[in-house]
Every structure is written in C-alpha cells, then in structure tokens.
Amino acid sequence: MSCEIPKNGMIGKSVPVRDAAMKVTGRMRYVADMKLPGMLYAKILFSPVPHARIKSIDTSGAQALEGVHAVVCYKDSPKNRYNGNGEDKDINPSELVFDQTVRFVGDKVAAVAAETEEIARKAISLINVEYEELPFYLDPEEAMKEDAYPIHQGGGAIS
C-alpha cells in the first residue's frame, strides 16, 4: 500500500514568499512598529509564585510616575468571570481579568498603561505585592487526591 501525495493545487510546488524581500531588508512593518497619536503602552506584572493569595498590593508608586495613565489590579477590575480557553469560552467561566489569588508562576497580577514602553516597564517595577503562599502541586496524582488543597473554587475540578 503506497501513500501518494496529490499533485493538485499548491501541494508539491515551490511557492515564493511574496514579502520575503521586505522582511529581509527591514522594510516590513509589524504591529510593534505602529505608532499612533495618543497611543499608550501596556505592561503586565506577573506572579513569581505558583499559588498565593495577594495579601497587599501597593500601586501608588506606579500611579504617581509621570506618564502613567492607568494602573489596574484585582481591586479595581471587573468581577465578570470568563473562560480563556478559546473554543470552550462559553463553558465553565472561571477566570477573572485579575484575581486576588494567583494560580501559577506568570499569572496576571496588575497592569499599567503609559506614554512609553520604558515608563510602563518602570511603573511595573514600582508595584509592591505581598503574597501569602498557598499549597501547590507538581504531581497531578497529588493534586487529584481527595484532601488536596483546592487551586480553584469548588475543589479539584473547576466548578
């Protein structure tokens, strides 16, 4: 039994990359190259710990920095739950934009919008967070045990 690749359409043919010259010469414009009037730059502060409750967060230093237009965290973001899993977006909405509990290293803690990328980066560094670390699991078998500490509301499975 042989598996032949059909020779119709583009399969099996060399296809030139139309914008190759623009890419290799640096003339290609990307979203990061865009500059619009009044445009702001955003940066996000991510959790350095795998599971914790935010005991306190002080954004006053970031808010006071000249050129910062907004700073948001769990205290002032909507409490509308959603499911960020793409095609499952209407099933089991369990996430908040910002939550007082972080559930993985890299979870979102706060965000800033500023006039330049440098100011946004500086503002993020001025946010002070105190975490109360909570249990976490690296072994799925441990996480599924009846007495495992819940990572999400409702126990082991998100409910």
N, C-alpha and C. Protein backbone atom coordinates (compact mmCIF):
# COMPACT_ATOMS: atom_id res chain seq x y z
N MET A 1 0.86 -1.18 0.00
CA MET A 1 0.00 0.00 0.00
C MET A 1 0.90 1.24 0.00
N SER A 2 0.74 2.09 -0.98
CA SER A 2 1.56 3.30 -1.04
C SER A 2 0.69 4.52 -0.78
N CYS A 3 1.33 5.54 -0.27
CA CYS A 3 0.62 6.78 0.04
C CYS A 3 1.18 7.86 -0.87
N GLU A 4 0.42 8.19 -1.91
CA GLU A 4 0.87 9.20 -2.86
C GLU A 4 0.33 10.57 -2.48
N ILE A 5 1.17 11.57 -2.59
CA ILE A 5 0.76 12.95 -2.32
C ILE A 5 0.14 13.51 -3.60
N PRO A 6 -1.09 13.98 -3.53
CA PRO A 6 -1.73 14.53 -4.74
C PRO A 6 -0.97 15.74 -5.25
N LYS A 7 -0.92 15.90 -6.55
CA LYS A 7 -0.17 16.99 -7.17
C LYS A 7 -1.09 18.13 -7.61
N ASN A 8 -2.23 18.29 -6.96
CA ASN A 8 -3.14 19.37 -7.33
C ASN A 8 -2.89 20.60 -6.47
N GLY A 9 -3.36 21.72 -6.93
CA GLY A 9 -3.23 22.95 -6.16
C GLY A 9 -1.78 23.31 -5.90
N MET A 10 -1.43 23.61 -4.65
CA MET A 10 -0.10 24.06 -4.28
C MET A 10 0.78 22.92 -3.74
N ILE A 11 0.16 21.77 -3.46
CA ILE A 11 0.93 20.67 -2.90
C ILE A 11 1.99 20.21 -3.88
N GLY A 12 3.23 20.11 -3.39
CA GLY A 12 4.32 19.64 -4.21
C GLY A 12 4.96 20.72 -5.08
N LYS A 13 4.50 21.94 -4.99
CA LYS A 13 5.05 23.02 -5.81
C LYS A 13 5.80 24.01 -4.94
N SER A 14 6.82 24.59 -5.49
CA SER A 14 7.57 25.64 -4.81
C SER A 14 6.75 26.92 -4.90
N VAL A 15 6.57 27.58 -3.77
CA VAL A 15 5.78 28.81 -3.74
C VAL A 15 6.65 29.94 -3.21
N PRO A 16 6.82 30.99 -3.98
CA PRO A 16 7.65 32.10 -3.50
C PRO A 16 6.96 32.84 -2.34
N VAL A 17 7.76 33.31 -1.41
CA VAL A 17 7.23 34.11 -0.30
C VAL A 17 7.19 35.55 -0.80
N ARG A 18 5.99 36.07 -0.96
CA ARG A 18 5.81 37.37 -1.61
C ARG A 18 6.47 38.53 -0.86
N ASP A 19 6.46 38.48 0.47
CA ASP A 19 7.01 39.60 1.23
C ASP A 19 8.42 39.32 1.75
N ALA A 20 9.10 38.32 1.20
CA ALA A 20 10.44 37.96 1.68
C ALA A 20 11.42 39.12 1.58
N ALA A 21 11.43 39.82 0.46
CA ALA A 21 12.37 40.94 0.28
C ALA A 21 12.13 42.02 1.32
N MET A 22 10.86 42.31 1.60
CA MET A 22 10.55 43.34 2.61
C MET A 22 11.02 42.89 3.99
N LYS A 23 10.86 41.61 4.29
CA LYS A 23 11.27 41.10 5.60
C LYS A 23 12.79 41.15 5.77
N VAL A 24 13.53 40.68 4.79
CA VAL A 24 14.99 40.61 4.94
C VAL A 24 15.67 41.96 4.83
N THR A 25 14.98 42.95 4.25
CA THR A 25 15.57 44.30 4.17
C THR A 25 15.13 45.21 5.30
N GLY A 26 14.22 44.70 6.16
CA GLY A 26 13.77 45.51 7.29
C GLY A 26 12.68 46.50 6.95
N ARG A 27 12.12 46.41 5.75
CA ARG A 27 11.06 47.34 5.36
C ARG A 27 9.67 46.85 5.76
N MET A 28 9.54 45.61 6.17
CA MET A 28 8.24 45.05 6.57
C MET A 28 7.79 45.71 7.86
N ARG A 29 6.54 46.14 7.91
CA ARG A 29 6.00 46.76 9.12
C ARG A 29 5.19 45.74 9.89
N TYR A 30 5.43 45.69 11.20
CA TYR A 30 4.72 44.80 12.10
C TYR A 30 3.92 45.64 13.10
N VAL A 31 3.04 45.00 13.84
CA VAL A 31 2.23 45.71 14.82
C VAL A 31 3.12 46.48 15.79
N ALA A 32 4.23 45.89 16.21
CA ALA A 32 5.13 46.56 17.16
C ALA A 32 5.75 47.82 16.57
N ASP A 33 5.73 47.96 15.25
CA ASP A 33 6.28 49.15 14.59
C ASP A 33 5.28 50.30 14.53
N MET A 34 4.02 50.03 14.83
CA MET A 34 2.98 51.05 14.70
C MET A 34 3.11 52.12 15.77
N LYS A 35 2.94 53.35 15.36
CA LYS A 35 2.91 54.49 16.27
C LYS A 35 1.68 55.31 15.88
N LEU A 36 0.74 55.45 16.82
CA LEU A 36 -0.49 56.18 16.55
C LEU A 36 -0.61 57.36 17.51
N PRO A 37 -1.30 58.42 17.12
CA PRO A 37 -1.46 59.57 18.02
C PRO A 37 -2.16 59.15 19.31
N GLY A 38 -1.60 59.54 20.44
CA GLY A 38 -2.20 59.23 21.74
C GLY A 38 -2.03 57.78 22.19
N MET A 39 -1.22 57.02 21.46
CA MET A 39 -1.05 55.60 21.78
C MET A 39 -0.37 55.42 23.14
N LEU A 40 -0.86 54.44 23.90
CA LEU A 40 -0.26 54.09 25.18
C LEU A 40 0.37 52.71 25.08
N TYR A 41 1.29 52.43 25.97
CA TYR A 41 1.97 51.15 26.02
C TYR A 41 1.58 50.44 27.32
N ALA A 42 1.34 49.17 27.22
CA ALA A 42 0.92 48.40 28.40
C ALA A 42 2.00 47.40 28.79
N LYS A 43 2.11 47.17 30.07
CA LYS A 43 2.97 46.12 30.62
C LYS A 43 2.18 45.44 31.73
N ILE A 44 2.45 44.16 31.91
CA ILE A 44 1.75 43.38 32.93
C ILE A 44 2.75 42.87 33.95
N LEU A 45 2.35 42.94 35.21
CA LEU A 45 3.13 42.35 36.30
C LEU A 45 2.64 40.92 36.47
N PHE A 46 3.56 39.97 36.41
CA PHE A 46 3.23 38.55 36.52
C PHE A 46 3.67 37.99 37.87
N SER A 47 2.95 36.99 38.35
CA SER A 47 3.24 36.37 39.64
C SER A 47 4.56 35.60 39.59
N PRO A 48 5.41 35.78 40.62
CA PRO A 48 6.64 35.00 40.71
C PRO A 48 6.44 33.69 41.49
N VAL A 49 5.24 33.49 42.03
CA VAL A 49 4.97 32.31 42.86
C VAL A 49 3.88 31.46 42.23
N PRO A 50 3.87 30.14 42.50
CA PRO A 50 2.92 29.25 41.83
C PRO A 50 1.49 29.31 42.36
N HIS A 51 1.30 29.64 43.62
CA HIS A 51 -0.06 29.69 44.16
C HIS A 51 -0.02 30.55 45.41
N ALA A 52 -0.80 31.62 45.42
CA ALA A 52 -0.77 32.53 46.57
C ALA A 52 -2.00 33.42 46.55
N ARG A 53 -2.29 33.95 47.72
CA ARG A 53 -3.30 34.99 47.86
C ARG A 53 -2.54 36.30 47.99
N ILE A 54 -3.00 37.32 47.30
CA ILE A 54 -2.36 38.63 47.42
C ILE A 54 -2.82 39.25 48.72
N LYS A 55 -1.90 39.37 49.68
CA LYS A 55 -2.23 39.97 50.98
C LYS A 55 -2.35 41.48 50.85
N SER A 56 -1.44 42.06 50.10
CA SER A 56 -1.49 43.51 49.88
C SER A 56 -0.82 43.82 48.56
N ILE A 57 -1.30 44.89 47.95
CA ILE A 57 -0.70 45.37 46.71
C ILE A 57 -0.71 46.90 46.76
N ASP A 58 0.45 47.48 46.54
CA ASP A 58 0.59 48.94 46.57
C ASP A 58 0.98 49.41 45.17
N THR A 59 0.06 50.06 44.51
CA THR A 59 0.31 50.56 43.16
C THR A 59 0.57 52.06 43.15
N SER A 60 0.67 52.68 44.32
CA SER A 60 0.78 54.14 44.39
C SER A 60 2.04 54.67 43.70
N GLY A 61 3.15 53.96 43.80
CA GLY A 61 4.38 54.39 43.14
C GLY A 61 4.22 54.41 41.63
N ALA A 62 3.58 53.38 41.10
CA ALA A 62 3.34 53.32 39.66
C ALA A 62 2.37 54.41 39.23
N GLN A 63 1.31 54.63 40.02
CA GLN A 63 0.31 55.64 39.68
C GLN A 63 0.91 57.05 39.69
N ALA A 64 1.88 57.28 40.57
CA ALA A 64 2.47 58.61 40.70
C ALA A 64 3.51 58.91 39.63
N LEU A 65 3.96 57.91 38.91
CA LEU A 65 5.00 58.10 37.91
C LEU A 65 4.46 58.92 36.74
N GLU A 66 5.18 59.98 36.39
CA GLU A 66 4.75 60.83 35.28
C GLU A 66 4.70 60.02 33.99
N GLY A 67 3.62 60.17 33.26
CA GLY A 67 3.45 59.45 32.01
C GLY A 67 2.60 58.19 32.13
N VAL A 68 2.24 57.82 33.38
CA VAL A 68 1.37 56.67 33.59
C VAL A 68 -0.08 57.15 33.55
N HIS A 69 -0.90 56.49 32.75
CA HIS A 69 -2.31 56.88 32.60
C HIS A 69 -3.25 55.98 33.39
N ALA A 70 -2.85 54.74 33.65
CA ALA A 70 -3.72 53.83 34.39
C ALA A 70 -2.91 52.69 34.99
N VAL A 71 -3.38 52.24 36.15
CA VAL A 71 -2.84 51.05 36.81
C VAL A 71 -4.04 50.26 37.30
N VAL A 72 -4.09 48.97 37.00
CA VAL A 72 -5.21 48.14 37.44
C VAL A 72 -4.70 46.85 38.08
N CYS A 73 -5.48 46.36 39.04
CA CYS A 73 -5.21 45.08 39.69
C CYS A 73 -6.57 44.51 40.10
N TYR A 74 -6.57 43.48 40.91
CA TYR A 74 -7.84 42.82 41.28
C TYR A 74 -8.79 43.77 41.99
N LYS A 75 -8.27 44.79 42.67
CA LYS A 75 -9.12 45.69 43.45
C LYS A 75 -10.04 46.54 42.57
N ASP A 76 -9.61 46.82 41.35
CA ASP A 76 -10.39 47.74 40.53
C ASP A 76 -10.70 47.20 39.13
N SER A 77 -10.68 45.90 38.97
CA SER A 77 -11.04 45.32 37.67
C SER A 77 -12.40 44.62 37.79
N PRO A 78 -13.09 44.43 36.67
CA PRO A 78 -14.42 43.82 36.71
C PRO A 78 -14.39 42.42 37.32
N LYS A 79 -15.47 42.05 37.95
CA LYS A 79 -15.57 40.73 38.58
C LYS A 79 -16.35 39.76 37.69
N ASN A 80 -16.36 40.03 36.39
CA ASN A 80 -17.04 39.16 35.43
C ASN A 80 -16.14 37.97 35.11
N ARG A 81 -16.63 36.78 35.37
CA ARG A 81 -15.84 35.57 35.09
C ARG A 81 -15.97 35.19 33.62
N TYR A 82 -14.89 34.62 33.09
CA TYR A 82 -14.86 34.16 31.70
C TYR A 82 -14.00 32.91 31.63
N ASN A 83 -14.02 32.26 30.49
CA ASN A 83 -13.17 31.10 30.25
C ASN A 83 -12.23 31.48 29.12
N GLY A 84 -10.95 31.54 29.40
CA GLY A 84 -9.96 31.95 28.41
C GLY A 84 -9.44 30.83 27.53
N ASN A 85 -10.16 29.72 27.43
CA ASN A 85 -9.67 28.57 26.67
C ASN A 85 -10.11 28.57 25.21
N GLY A 86 -10.41 29.72 24.66
CA GLY A 86 -10.72 29.78 23.24
C GLY A 86 -12.04 29.14 22.89
N GLU A 87 -11.98 27.96 22.29
CA GLU A 87 -13.22 27.32 21.81
C GLU A 87 -14.16 26.94 22.95
N ASP A 88 -13.68 26.84 24.18
CA ASP A 88 -14.52 26.50 25.33
C ASP A 88 -15.00 27.74 26.07
N LYS A 89 -14.97 28.89 25.43
CA LYS A 89 -15.20 30.15 26.13
C LYS A 89 -16.54 30.24 26.84
N ASP A 90 -17.55 29.52 26.37
CA ASP A 90 -18.86 29.58 27.00
C ASP A 90 -19.08 28.50 28.04
N ILE A 91 -18.10 27.65 28.23
CA ILE A 91 -18.20 26.55 29.18
C ILE A 91 -17.42 26.91 30.44
N ASN A 92 -18.04 26.80 31.59
CA ASN A 92 -17.37 26.95 32.87
C ASN A 92 -16.52 28.22 33.00
N PRO A 93 -17.13 29.39 32.97
CA PRO A 93 -16.36 30.62 33.17
C PRO A 93 -15.78 30.67 34.58
N SER A 94 -14.45 30.62 34.69
CA SER A 94 -13.82 30.51 36.00
C SER A 94 -12.73 31.56 36.24
N GLU A 95 -12.37 32.35 35.23
CA GLU A 95 -11.27 33.29 35.36
C GLU A 95 -11.77 34.72 35.50
N LEU A 96 -10.98 35.51 36.20
CA LEU A 96 -11.17 36.96 36.26
C LEU A 96 -9.99 37.60 35.54
N VAL A 97 -10.16 38.81 35.07
CA VAL A 97 -9.03 39.50 34.44
C VAL A 97 -7.88 39.56 35.44
N PHE A 98 -8.17 40.00 36.66
CA PHE A 98 -7.20 39.98 37.77
C PHE A 98 -7.92 39.40 38.97
N ASP A 99 -7.26 38.52 39.69
CA ASP A 99 -7.85 37.84 40.83
C ASP A 99 -6.95 38.07 42.04
N GLN A 100 -7.52 38.02 43.22
CA GLN A 100 -6.72 38.15 44.44
C GLN A 100 -5.88 36.90 44.67
N THR A 101 -6.24 35.81 44.01
CA THR A 101 -5.46 34.57 44.10
C THR A 101 -4.75 34.34 42.78
N VAL A 102 -3.44 34.08 42.86
CA VAL A 102 -2.68 33.69 41.67
C VAL A 102 -2.51 32.18 41.71
N ARG A 103 -2.55 31.54 40.53
CA ARG A 103 -2.59 30.08 40.49
C ARG A 103 -1.44 29.45 39.72
N PHE A 104 -0.52 30.27 39.23
CA PHE A 104 0.67 29.73 38.55
C PHE A 104 1.70 30.83 38.41
N VAL A 105 2.96 30.43 38.30
CA VAL A 105 4.01 31.41 38.04
C VAL A 105 3.70 32.01 36.68
N GLY A 106 3.56 33.33 36.64
CA GLY A 106 3.21 34.00 35.40
C GLY A 106 1.75 34.42 35.33
N ASP A 107 0.97 34.12 36.38
CA ASP A 107 -0.42 34.58 36.41
C ASP A 107 -0.40 36.11 36.49
N LYS A 108 -1.44 36.75 35.95
CA LYS A 108 -1.51 38.21 35.91
C LYS A 108 -1.81 38.79 37.30
N VAL A 109 -1.06 39.80 37.70
CA VAL A 109 -1.24 40.46 39.00
C VAL A 109 -1.74 41.90 38.82
N ALA A 110 -1.14 42.64 37.90
CA ALA A 110 -1.51 44.04 37.67
C ALA A 110 -1.05 44.44 36.27
N ALA A 111 -1.57 45.58 35.81
CA ALA A 111 -1.16 46.11 34.50
C ALA A 111 -1.09 47.62 34.57
N VAL A 112 -0.24 48.18 33.73
CA VAL A 112 -0.14 49.64 33.62
C VAL A 112 -0.26 50.04 32.15
N ALA A 113 -0.73 51.25 31.93
CA ALA A 113 -0.74 51.86 30.60
C ALA A 113 -0.01 53.19 30.73
N ALA A 114 0.98 53.39 29.88
CA ALA A 114 1.83 54.58 29.98
C ALA A 114 2.18 55.12 28.60
N GLU A 115 2.73 56.32 28.58
CA GLU A 115 3.05 57.00 27.33
C GLU A 115 4.19 56.36 26.55
N THR A 116 5.10 55.68 27.24
CA THR A 116 6.20 54.99 26.56
C THR A 116 6.36 53.60 27.17
N GLU A 117 7.00 52.74 26.41
CA GLU A 117 7.27 51.40 26.90
C GLU A 117 8.20 51.45 28.12
N GLU A 118 9.15 52.35 28.11
CA GLU A 118 10.09 52.49 29.22
C GLU A 118 9.37 52.91 30.51
N ILE A 119 8.45 53.87 30.39
CA ILE A 119 7.69 54.32 31.56
C ILE A 119 6.82 53.17 32.08
N ALA A 120 6.20 52.43 31.18
CA ALA A 120 5.36 51.30 31.60
C ALA A 120 6.20 50.26 32.34
N ARG A 121 7.38 49.96 31.82
CA ARG A 121 8.28 49.00 32.46
C ARG A 121 8.70 49.48 33.85
N LYS A 122 9.04 50.76 33.96
CA LYS A 122 9.43 51.35 35.25
C LYS A 122 8.26 51.29 36.23
N ALA A 123 7.06 51.61 35.75
CA ALA A 123 5.87 51.59 36.62
C ALA A 123 5.62 50.20 37.18
N ILE A 124 5.76 49.18 36.35
CA ILE A 124 5.57 47.80 36.82
C ILE A 124 6.54 47.49 37.95
N SER A 125 7.77 47.98 37.83
CA SER A 125 8.79 47.71 38.86
C SER A 125 8.48 48.42 40.18
N LEU A 126 7.59 49.42 40.15
CA LEU A 126 7.24 50.18 41.35
C LEU A 126 6.03 49.60 42.09
N ILE A 127 5.43 48.55 41.56
CA ILE A 127 4.28 47.92 42.23
C ILE A 127 4.81 46.93 43.26
N ASN A 128 4.37 47.09 44.50
CA ASN A 128 4.81 46.21 45.58
C ASN A 128 3.67 45.26 45.96
N VAL A 129 3.99 43.98 45.97
CA VAL A 129 2.99 42.96 46.27
C VAL A 129 3.49 42.07 47.40
N GLU A 130 2.60 41.81 48.36
CA GLU A 130 2.91 40.85 49.43
C GLU A 130 2.00 39.65 49.21
N TYR A 131 2.62 38.48 49.09
CA TYR A 131 1.88 37.25 48.83
C TYR A 131 1.82 36.36 50.06
N GLU A 132 0.67 35.72 50.26
CA GLU A 132 0.55 34.64 51.24
C GLU A 132 0.57 33.36 50.42
N GLU A 133 1.72 32.68 50.44
CA GLU A 133 1.86 31.50 49.59
C GLU A 133 0.94 30.38 50.05
N LEU A 134 0.36 29.70 49.08
CA LEU A 134 -0.57 28.60 49.31
C LEU A 134 0.02 27.31 48.74
N PRO A 135 -0.52 26.16 49.18
CA PRO A 135 0.00 24.89 48.65
C PRO A 135 -0.18 24.80 47.14
N PHE A 136 0.76 24.11 46.50
CA PHE A 136 0.67 23.85 45.06
C PHE A 136 1.20 22.46 44.80
N TYR A 137 0.92 21.97 43.60
CA TYR A 137 1.29 20.59 43.27
C TYR A 137 2.04 20.54 41.95
N LEU A 138 3.05 19.69 41.91
CA LEU A 138 3.77 19.45 40.67
C LEU A 138 3.41 18.09 40.10
N ASP A 139 2.76 17.27 40.93
CA ASP A 139 2.36 15.92 40.54
C ASP A 139 0.85 15.86 40.40
N PRO A 140 0.33 15.57 39.21
CA PRO A 140 -1.12 15.54 39.02
C PRO A 140 -1.83 14.54 39.92
N GLU A 141 -1.18 13.43 40.26
CA GLU A 141 -1.78 12.44 41.15
C GLU A 141 -2.01 13.04 42.54
N GLU A 142 -1.06 13.84 43.01
CA GLU A 142 -1.19 14.51 44.31
C GLU A 142 -2.32 15.55 44.26
N ALA A 143 -2.38 16.28 43.17
CA ALA A 143 -3.40 17.33 43.03
C ALA A 143 -4.81 16.75 42.99
N MET A 144 -4.96 15.51 42.54
CA MET A 144 -6.28 14.89 42.41
C MET A 144 -6.76 14.21 43.69
N LYS A 145 -5.90 14.12 44.70
CA LYS A 145 -6.30 13.46 45.94
C LYS A 145 -7.45 14.20 46.61
N GLU A 146 -8.28 13.44 47.30
CA GLU A 146 -9.48 13.99 47.97
C GLU A 146 -9.13 15.14 48.91
N ASP A 147 -8.02 15.04 49.62
CA ASP A 147 -7.65 16.05 50.62
C ASP A 147 -6.70 17.11 50.06
N ALA A 148 -6.52 17.16 48.74
CA ALA A 148 -5.63 18.15 48.14
C ALA A 148 -6.20 19.56 48.32
N TYR A 149 -5.31 20.50 48.52
CA TYR A 149 -5.72 21.90 48.67
C TYR A 149 -6.28 22.37 47.33
N PRO A 150 -7.45 22.98 47.30
CA PRO A 150 -8.05 23.39 46.02
C PRO A 150 -7.30 24.57 45.39
N ILE A 151 -7.02 24.42 44.13
CA ILE A 151 -6.38 25.51 43.38
C ILE A 151 -7.44 26.47 42.86
N HIS A 152 -8.59 25.92 42.47
CA HIS A 152 -9.72 26.71 42.00
C HIS A 152 -10.89 26.54 42.96
N GLN A 153 -11.84 27.45 42.89
CA GLN A 153 -13.04 27.34 43.72
C GLN A 153 -13.73 26.04 43.43
N GLY A 154 -14.27 25.41 44.45
CA GLY A 154 -15.05 24.20 44.25
C GLY A 154 -14.27 22.91 44.30
N GLY A 155 -13.00 22.97 44.69
CA GLY A 155 -12.23 21.74 44.83
C GLY A 155 -11.37 21.43 43.63
N GLY A 156 -11.08 20.13 43.46
CA GLY A 156 -10.16 19.67 42.43
C GLY A 156 -10.57 20.08 41.03
N ALA A 157 -11.82 19.91 40.69
CA ALA A 157 -12.29 20.33 39.37
C ALA A 157 -12.89 21.72 39.47
N ILE A 158 -12.69 22.50 38.47
CA ILE A 158 -13.26 23.86 38.46
C ILE A 158 -14.78 23.73 38.38
N SER A 159 -15.45 24.43 39.25
CA SER A 159 -16.93 24.36 39.21
C SER A 159 -17.54 25.74 39.17
